PDB file of all heavy atoms in Angstrom:
ATOM      1  N   TRP A   1      -3.240-120.510 117.264  1.00  0.00           N
ATOM      2  CA  TRP A   1      -3.818-121.749 118.017  1.00  0.00           C
ATOM      3  C   TRP A   1      -2.915-122.910 117.812  1.00  0.00           C
ATOM      4  O   TRP A   1      -2.553-123.615 118.576  1.00  0.00           O
ATOM      5  CB  TRP A   1      -5.163-121.884 117.451  1.00  0.00           C
ATOM      6  CG  TRP A   1      -6.235-121.291 118.167  1.00  0.00           C
ATOM      7  CD1 TRP A   1      -7.022-120.180 117.847  1.00  0.00           C
ATOM      8  CD2 TRP A   1      -6.773-121.398 119.662  1.00  0.00           C
ATOM      9  NE1 TRP A   1      -7.893-119.754 118.746  1.00  0.00           N
ATOM     10  CE2 TRP A   1      -7.628-120.541 119.955  1.00  0.00           C
ATOM     11  CE3 TRP A   1      -6.306-122.544 120.496  1.00  0.00           C
ATOM     12  CZ2 TRP A   1      -8.391-120.602 121.087  1.00  0.00           C
ATOM     13  CZ3 TRP A   1      -7.009-122.414 121.725  1.00  0.00           C
ATOM     14  CH2 TRP A   1      -7.991-121.522 122.028  1.00  0.00           C
ATOM     15  N   LEU A   2      -2.441-123.102 116.507  1.00  0.00           N
ATOM     16  CA  LEU A   2      -1.558-124.194 116.121  1.00  0.00           C
ATOM     17  C   LEU A   2      -0.317-124.173 116.852  1.00  0.00           C
ATOM     18  O   LEU A   2       0.071-125.262 117.495  1.00  0.00           O
ATOM     19  CB  LEU A   2      -1.311-124.250 114.615  1.00  0.00           C
ATOM     20  CG  LEU A   2      -0.385-125.295 114.062  1.00  0.00           C
ATOM     21  CD1 LEU A   2      -1.052-126.740 114.479  1.00  0.00           C
ATOM     22  CD2 LEU A   2      -0.271-125.176 112.590  1.00  0.00           C
ATOM     23  N   ALA A   3       0.305-123.051 116.964  1.00  0.00           N
ATOM     24  CA  ALA A   3       1.526-123.001 117.721  1.00  0.00           C
ATOM     25  C   ALA A   3       1.465-123.131 119.100  1.00  0.00           C
ATOM     26  O   ALA A   3       2.312-123.814 119.749  1.00  0.00           O
ATOM     27  CB  ALA A   3       2.222-121.590 117.363  1.00  0.00           C
ATOM     28  N   THR A   4       0.421-122.609 119.706  1.00  0.00           N
ATOM     29  CA  THR A   4       0.140-122.768 121.183  1.00  0.00           C
ATOM     30  C   THR A   4      -0.088-124.125 121.637  1.00  0.00           C
ATOM     31  O   THR A   4       0.429-124.659 122.507  1.00  0.00           O
ATOM     32  CB  THR A   4      -1.077-121.826 121.557  1.00  0.00           C
ATOM     33  OG1 THR A   4      -0.657-120.474 121.284  1.00  0.00           O
ATOM     34  CG2 THR A   4      -1.288-121.982 123.117  1.00  0.00           C
ATOM     35  N   LEU A   5      -0.977-124.853 120.715  1.00  0.00           N
ATOM     36  CA  LEU A   5      -1.319-126.183 121.140  1.00  0.00           C
ATOM     37  C   LEU A   5      -0.085-127.176 120.926  1.00  0.00           C
ATOM     38  O   LEU A   5       0.094-128.009 121.631  1.00  0.00           O
ATOM     39  CB  LEU A   5      -2.449-126.806 120.295  1.00  0.00           C
ATOM     40  CG  LEU A   5      -3.836-126.059 120.528  1.00  0.00           C
ATOM     41  CD1 LEU A   5      -4.914-126.411 119.533  1.00  0.00           C
ATOM     42  CD2 LEU A   5      -4.348-126.228 121.930  1.00  0.00           C
ATOM     43  N   ALA A   6       0.588-126.963 119.902  1.00  0.00           N
ATOM     44  CA  ALA A   6       1.700-127.828 119.606  1.00  0.00           C
ATOM     45  C   ALA A   6       2.806-127.625 120.465  1.00  0.00           C
ATOM     46  O   ALA A   6       3.542-128.545 121.048  1.00  0.00           O
ATOM     47  CB  ALA A   6       2.292-127.460 118.073  1.00  0.00           C
ATOM     48  N   THR A   7       2.991-126.313 121.079  1.00  0.00           N
ATOM     49  CA  THR A   7       4.016-126.118 122.005  1.00  0.00           C
ATOM     50  C   THR A   7       3.631-126.778 123.349  1.00  0.00           C
ATOM     51  O   THR A   7       4.520-127.278 124.081  1.00  0.00           O
ATOM     52  CB  THR A   7       4.210-124.603 122.283  1.00  0.00           C
ATOM     53  OG1 THR A   7       4.592-124.048 120.969  1.00  0.00           O
ATOM     54  CG2 THR A   7       5.283-124.231 123.271  1.00  0.00           C
ATOM     55  N   ALA A   8       2.297-126.545 123.650  1.00  0.00           N
ATOM     56  CA  ALA A   8       1.856-127.235 125.015  1.00  0.00           C
ATOM     57  C   ALA A   8       2.156-128.727 124.981  1.00  0.00           C
ATOM     58  O   ALA A   8       2.520-129.229 125.920  1.00  0.00           O
ATOM     59  CB  ALA A   8       0.454-126.832 125.295  1.00  0.00           C
ATOM     60  N   LEU A   9       1.724-129.369 123.880  1.00  0.00           N
ATOM     61  CA  LEU A   9       1.781-130.803 123.753  1.00  0.00           C
ATOM     62  C   LEU A   9       3.323-131.172 123.796  1.00  0.00           C
ATOM     63  O   LEU A   9       3.680-132.176 124.523  1.00  0.00           O
ATOM     64  CB  LEU A   9       1.201-131.376 122.456  1.00  0.00           C
ATOM     65  CG  LEU A   9       1.249-132.779 122.166  1.00  0.00           C
ATOM     66  CD1 LEU A   9       0.486-133.526 123.334  1.00  0.00           C
ATOM     67  CD2 LEU A   9       0.466-133.133 120.858  1.00  0.00           C
ATOM     68  N   SER A  10       4.139-130.434 123.107  1.00  0.00           N
ATOM     69  CA  SER A  10       5.591-130.801 122.983  1.00  0.00           C
ATOM     70  C   SER A  10       6.337-130.583 124.406  1.00  0.00           C
ATOM     71  O   SER A  10       7.164-131.205 124.856  1.00  0.00           O
ATOM     72  CB  SER A  10       6.414-129.925 122.028  1.00  0.00           C
ATOM     73  OG  SER A  10       6.339-128.595 122.228  1.00  0.00           O
ATOM     74  N   LEU A  11       5.714-129.523 125.219  1.00  0.00           N
ATOM     75  CA  LEU A  11       6.334-129.378 126.544  1.00  0.00           C
ATOM     76  C   LEU A  11       5.896-130.483 127.510  1.00  0.00           C
ATOM     77  O   LEU A  11       6.758-131.004 128.228  1.00  0.00           O
ATOM     78  CB  LEU A  11       5.852-128.079 127.135  1.00  0.00           C
ATOM     79  CG  LEU A  11       6.566-126.751 126.701  1.00  0.00           C
ATOM     80  CD1 LEU A  11       5.665-125.600 127.211  1.00  0.00           C
ATOM     81  CD2 LEU A  11       7.914-126.717 127.171  1.00  0.00           C
ATOM     82  N   ILE A  12       4.813-130.828 127.310  1.00  0.00           N
ATOM     83  CA  ILE A  12       4.263-132.114 128.182  1.00  0.00           C
ATOM     84  C   ILE A  12       5.051-133.318 127.858  1.00  0.00           C
ATOM     85  O   ILE A  12       5.595-134.042 128.731  1.00  0.00           O
ATOM     86  CB  ILE A  12       2.753-132.381 128.048  1.00  0.00           C
ATOM     87  CG1 ILE A  12       1.874-131.153 128.594  1.00  0.00           C
ATOM     88  CG2 ILE A  12       2.252-133.471 128.814  1.00  0.00           C
ATOM     89  CD1 ILE A  12       0.448-131.154 128.331  1.00  0.00           C
ATOM     90  N   LEU A  13       5.059-133.711 126.572  1.00  0.00           N
ATOM     91  CA  LEU A  13       5.710-134.986 126.215  1.00  0.00           C
ATOM     92  C   LEU A  13       7.335-134.779 126.386  1.00  0.00           C
ATOM     93  O   LEU A  13       8.036-135.648 126.988  1.00  0.00           O
ATOM     94  CB  LEU A  13       5.501-135.201 124.717  1.00  0.00           C
ATOM     95  CG  LEU A  13       4.046-135.464 124.430  1.00  0.00           C
ATOM     96  CD1 LEU A  13       3.863-135.800 122.917  1.00  0.00           C
ATOM     97  CD2 LEU A  13       3.558-136.677 125.189  1.00  0.00           C
ATOM     98  N   GLY A  14       7.805-133.642 126.051  1.00  0.00           N
ATOM     99  CA  GLY A  14       9.220-133.352 126.146  1.00  0.00           C
ATOM    100  C   GLY A  14       9.772-133.367 127.561  1.00  0.00           C
ATOM    101  O   GLY A  14      10.812-133.966 127.872  1.00  0.00           O
ATOM    102  N   THR A  15       8.990-132.801 128.555  1.00  0.00           N
ATOM    103  CA  THR A  15       9.508-132.921 129.891  1.00  0.00           C
ATOM    104  C   THR A  15       9.475-134.292 130.356  1.00  0.00           C
ATOM    105  O   THR A  15      10.417-134.741 131.132  1.00  0.00           O
ATOM    106  CB  THR A  15       8.410-131.969 130.791  1.00  0.00           C
ATOM    107  OG1 THR A  15       8.379-130.726 130.295  1.00  0.00           O
ATOM    108  CG2 THR A  15       8.895-131.951 132.221  1.00  0.00           C
ATOM    109  N   ALA A  16       8.324-134.950 130.126  1.00  0.00           N
ATOM    110  CA  ALA A  16       8.333-136.368 130.672  1.00  0.00           C
ATOM    111  C   ALA A  16       9.412-137.242 129.976  1.00  0.00           C
ATOM    112  O   ALA A  16      10.069-138.049 130.639  1.00  0.00           O
ATOM    113  CB  ALA A  16       6.851-136.947 130.239  1.00  0.00           C
ATOM    114  N   ALA A  17       9.733-137.071 128.709  1.00  0.00           N
ATOM    115  CA  ALA A  17      10.690-137.808 127.992  1.00  0.00           C
ATOM    116  C   ALA A  17      12.030-137.463 128.536  1.00  0.00           C
ATOM    117  O   ALA A  17      12.916-138.275 128.766  1.00  0.00           O
ATOM    118  CB  ALA A  17      10.609-137.537 126.490  1.00  0.00           C
ATOM    119  N   SER A  18      12.228-136.290 128.756  1.00  0.00           N
ATOM    120  CA  SER A  18      13.638-135.851 129.223  1.00  0.00           C
ATOM    121  C   SER A  18      13.890-136.427 130.652  1.00  0.00           C
ATOM    122  O   SER A  18      14.970-136.882 130.885  1.00  0.00           O
ATOM    123  CB  SER A  18      13.662-134.290 129.270  1.00  0.00           C
ATOM    124  OG  SER A  18      13.379-133.743 127.987  1.00  0.00           O
ATOM    125  N   TYR A  19      12.892-136.254 131.473  1.00  0.00           N
ATOM    126  CA  TYR A  19      13.002-136.781 132.908  1.00  0.00           C
ATOM    127  C   TYR A  19      13.482-138.331 132.827  1.00  0.00           C
ATOM    128  O   TYR A  19      14.220-138.849 133.463  1.00  0.00           O
ATOM    129  CB  TYR A  19      11.780-136.477 133.689  1.00  0.00           C
ATOM    130  CG  TYR A  19      11.990-136.901 135.089  1.00  0.00           C
ATOM    131  CD1 TYR A  19      12.510-135.910 136.034  1.00  0.00           C
ATOM    132  CD2 TYR A  19      11.594-138.122 135.645  1.00  0.00           C
ATOM    133  CE1 TYR A  19      12.632-136.182 137.415  1.00  0.00           C
ATOM    134  CE2 TYR A  19      11.603-138.362 136.891  1.00  0.00           C
ATOM    135  CZ  TYR A  19      12.205-137.404 137.878  1.00  0.00           C
ATOM    136  OH  TYR A  19      12.308-137.706 139.186  1.00  0.00           O
ATOM    137  N   ALA A  20      12.646-139.043 132.031  1.00  0.00           N
ATOM    138  CA  ALA A  20      12.826-140.464 131.965  1.00  0.00           C
ATOM    139  C   ALA A  20      14.134-140.769 131.323  1.00  0.00           C
ATOM    140  O   ALA A  20      14.800-141.698 131.812  1.00  0.00           O
ATOM    141  CB  ALA A  20      11.746-141.179 130.975  1.00  0.00           C
ATOM    142  N   LEU A  21      14.524-140.225 130.363  1.00  0.00           N
ATOM    143  CA  LEU A  21      15.733-140.462 129.698  1.00  0.00           C
ATOM    144  C   LEU A  21      16.988-140.053 130.478  1.00  0.00           C
ATOM    145  O   LEU A  21      18.030-140.723 130.530  1.00  0.00           O
ATOM    146  CB  LEU A  21      15.865-139.663 128.251  1.00  0.00           C
ATOM    147  CG  LEU A  21      14.910-140.186 127.172  1.00  0.00           C
ATOM    148  CD1 LEU A  21      15.076-139.172 126.045  1.00  0.00           C
ATOM    149  CD2 LEU A  21      15.238-141.462 126.806  1.00  0.00           C
ATOM    150  N   HIS A  22      16.765-138.968 131.292  1.00  0.00           N
ATOM    151  CA  HIS A  22      17.911-138.464 132.059  1.00  0.00           C
ATOM    152  C   HIS A  22      18.192-139.377 133.263  1.00  0.00           C
ATOM    153  O   HIS A  22      19.329-139.697 133.637  1.00  0.00           O
ATOM    154  CB  HIS A  22      17.680-137.081 132.666  1.00  0.00           C
ATOM    155  CG  HIS A  22      18.693-136.455 133.617  1.00  0.00           C
ATOM    156  ND1 HIS A  22      19.937-136.095 133.203  1.00  0.00           N
ATOM    157  CD2 HIS A  22      18.712-136.446 134.968  1.00  0.00           C
ATOM    158  CE1 HIS A  22      20.540-135.749 134.261  1.00  0.00           C
ATOM    159  NE2 HIS A  22      19.780-135.884 135.404  1.00  0.00           N
ATOM    160  N   HIS A  23      17.093-139.993 133.886  1.00  0.00           N
ATOM    161  CA  HIS A  23      17.165-140.869 134.994  1.00  0.00           C
ATOM    162  C   HIS A  23      17.350-142.309 134.591  1.00  0.00           C
ATOM    163  O   HIS A  23      17.253-143.236 135.340  1.00  0.00           O
ATOM    164  CB  HIS A  23      15.998-140.741 135.843  1.00  0.00           C
ATOM    165  CG  HIS A  23      16.023-139.375 136.803  1.00  0.00           C
ATOM    166  ND1 HIS A  23      15.669-138.218 136.134  1.00  0.00           N
ATOM    167  CD2 HIS A  23      16.377-139.094 138.032  1.00  0.00           C
ATOM    168  CE1 HIS A  23      15.826-137.235 137.064  1.00  0.00           C
ATOM    169  NE2 HIS A  23      16.237-137.697 138.115  1.00  0.00           N
ATOM    170  N   ARG A  24      17.266-142.565 133.280  1.00  0.00           N
ATOM    171  CA  ARG A  24      17.370-143.862 132.628  1.00  0.00           C
ATOM    172  C   ARG A  24      16.299-144.818 133.190  1.00  0.00           C
ATOM    173  O   ARG A  24      16.650-146.055 133.673  1.00  0.00           O
ATOM    174  CB  ARG A  24      18.901-144.396 132.844  1.00  0.00           C
ATOM    175  CG  ARG A  24      19.959-143.592 132.317  1.00  0.00           C
ATOM    176  CD  ARG A  24      21.413-144.261 132.644  1.00  0.00           C
ATOM    177  NE  ARG A  24      22.374-143.444 132.150  1.00  0.00           N
ATOM    178  CZ  ARG A  24      22.876-143.458 130.722  1.00  0.00           C
ATOM    179  NH1 ARG A  24      22.200-144.228 129.975  1.00  0.00           N
ATOM    180  NH2 ARG A  24      23.757-142.614 130.394  1.00  0.00           N
ATOM    181  N   LEU A  25      15.111-144.300 133.152  1.00  0.00           N
ATOM    182  CA  LEU A  25      14.026-145.061 133.563  1.00  0.00           C
ATOM    183  C   LEU A  25      13.403-145.993 132.629  1.00  0.00           C
ATOM    184  O   LEU A  25      12.577-146.911 132.838  1.00  0.00           O
ATOM    185  CB  LEU A  25      12.842-144.103 133.999  1.00  0.00           C
ATOM    186  CG  LEU A  25      13.190-143.123 135.161  1.00  0.00           C
ATOM    187  CD1 LEU A  25      11.945-142.107 135.536  1.00  0.00           C
ATOM    188  CD2 LEU A  25      13.640-143.859 136.450  1.00  0.00           C
ATOM    189  N   ILE A  26      13.974-145.936 131.377  1.00  0.00           N
ATOM    190  CA  ILE A  26      13.396-146.733 130.267  1.00  0.00           C
ATOM    191  C   ILE A  26      14.601-147.336 129.506  1.00  0.00           C
ATOM    192  O   ILE A  26      15.742-146.654 129.428  1.00  0.00           O
ATOM    193  CB  ILE A  26      12.448-145.990 129.318  1.00  0.00           C
ATOM    194  CG1 ILE A  26      13.177-144.629 128.799  1.00  0.00           C
ATOM    195  CG2 ILE A  26      11.116-145.723 129.945  1.00  0.00           C
ATOM    196  CD1 ILE A  26      12.317-143.798 127.832  1.00  0.00           C
ATOM    197  N   PRO A  27      14.543-148.554 128.996  1.00  0.00           N
ATOM    198  CA  PRO A  27      15.631-149.061 128.213  1.00  0.00           C
ATOM    199  C   PRO A  27      15.849-148.519 126.863  1.00  0.00           C
ATOM    200  O   PRO A  27      14.894-147.730 126.428  1.00  0.00           O
ATOM    201  CB  PRO A  27      15.304-150.549 128.031  1.00  0.00           C
ATOM    202  CG  PRO A  27      13.802-150.665 128.221  1.00  0.00           C
ATOM    203  CD  PRO A  27      13.387-149.522 129.116  1.00  0.00           C
ATOM    204  N   GLY A  28      16.898-148.641 126.207  1.00  0.00           N
ATOM    205  CA  GLY A  28      17.038-148.100 124.876  1.00  0.00           C
ATOM    206  C   GLY A  28      17.190-146.576 124.851  1.00  0.00           C
ATOM    207  O   GLY A  28      16.612-145.883 123.865  1.00  0.00           O
ATOM    208  N   ARG A  29      17.885-145.935 125.830  1.00  0.00           N
ATOM    209  CA  ARG A  29      17.903-144.524 125.984  1.00  0.00           C
ATOM    210  C   ARG A  29      18.568-143.849 124.623  1.00  0.00           C
ATOM    211  O   ARG A  29      17.942-142.932 124.213  1.00  0.00           O
ATOM    212  CB  ARG A  29      18.834-144.137 127.133  1.00  0.00           C
ATOM    213  CG  ARG A  29      18.977-142.689 127.405  1.00  0.00           C
ATOM    214  CD  ARG A  29      19.893-142.385 128.523  1.00  0.00           C
ATOM    215  NE  ARG A  29      20.059-140.953 128.775  1.00  0.00           N
ATOM    216  CZ  ARG A  29      20.929-140.153 128.188  1.00  0.00           C
ATOM    217  NH1 ARG A  29      21.740-140.674 127.231  1.00  0.00           N
ATOM    218  NH2 ARG A  29      20.977-138.953 128.543  1.00  0.00           N
ATOM    219  N   ASP A  30      19.652-144.352 124.099  1.00  0.00           N
ATOM    220  CA  ASP A  30      20.320-143.754 122.961  1.00  0.00           C
ATOM    221  C   ASP A  30      19.412-143.875 121.742  1.00  0.00           C
ATOM    222  O   ASP A  30      19.304-142.998 120.980  1.00  0.00           O
ATOM    223  CB  ASP A  30      21.594-144.369 122.771  1.00  0.00           C
ATOM    224  CG  ASP A  30      22.690-144.047 123.868  1.00  0.00           C
ATOM    225  OD1 ASP A  30      22.412-143.140 124.598  1.00  0.00           O
ATOM    226  OD2 ASP A  30      23.615-144.814 123.990  1.00  0.00           O
ATOM    227  N   ALA A  31      18.774-144.990 121.603  1.00  0.00           N
ATOM    228  CA  ALA A  31      17.934-145.198 120.507  1.00  0.00           C
ATOM    229  C   ALA A  31      16.697-144.266 120.505  1.00  0.00           C
ATOM    230  O   ALA A  31      16.275-143.559 119.474  1.00  0.00           O
ATOM    231  CB  ALA A  31      17.476-146.662 120.299  1.00  0.00           C
ATOM    232  N   ILE A  32      16.131-144.076 121.637  1.00  0.00           N
ATOM    233  CA  ILE A  32      14.933-143.204 121.761  1.00  0.00           C
ATOM    234  C   ILE A  32      15.363-141.756 121.609  1.00  0.00           C
ATOM    235  O   ILE A  32      14.596-140.947 120.953  1.00  0.00           O
ATOM    236  CB  ILE A  32      14.294-143.408 123.141  1.00  0.00           C
ATOM    237  CG1 ILE A  32      13.683-144.931 123.275  1.00  0.00           C
ATOM    238  CG2 ILE A  32      13.221-142.384 123.448  1.00  0.00           C
ATOM    239  CD1 ILE A  32      13.172-145.253 124.718  1.00  0.00           C
TER     240      ILE A  32
END
């Protein structure tokens, strides 16, 4: 349960973060 929930959460957050960082939609890309 722990691994499944943590993976699901990291996939949601990681996908959003990757897309924003790749397209430089937010400032401070390198720091983030």
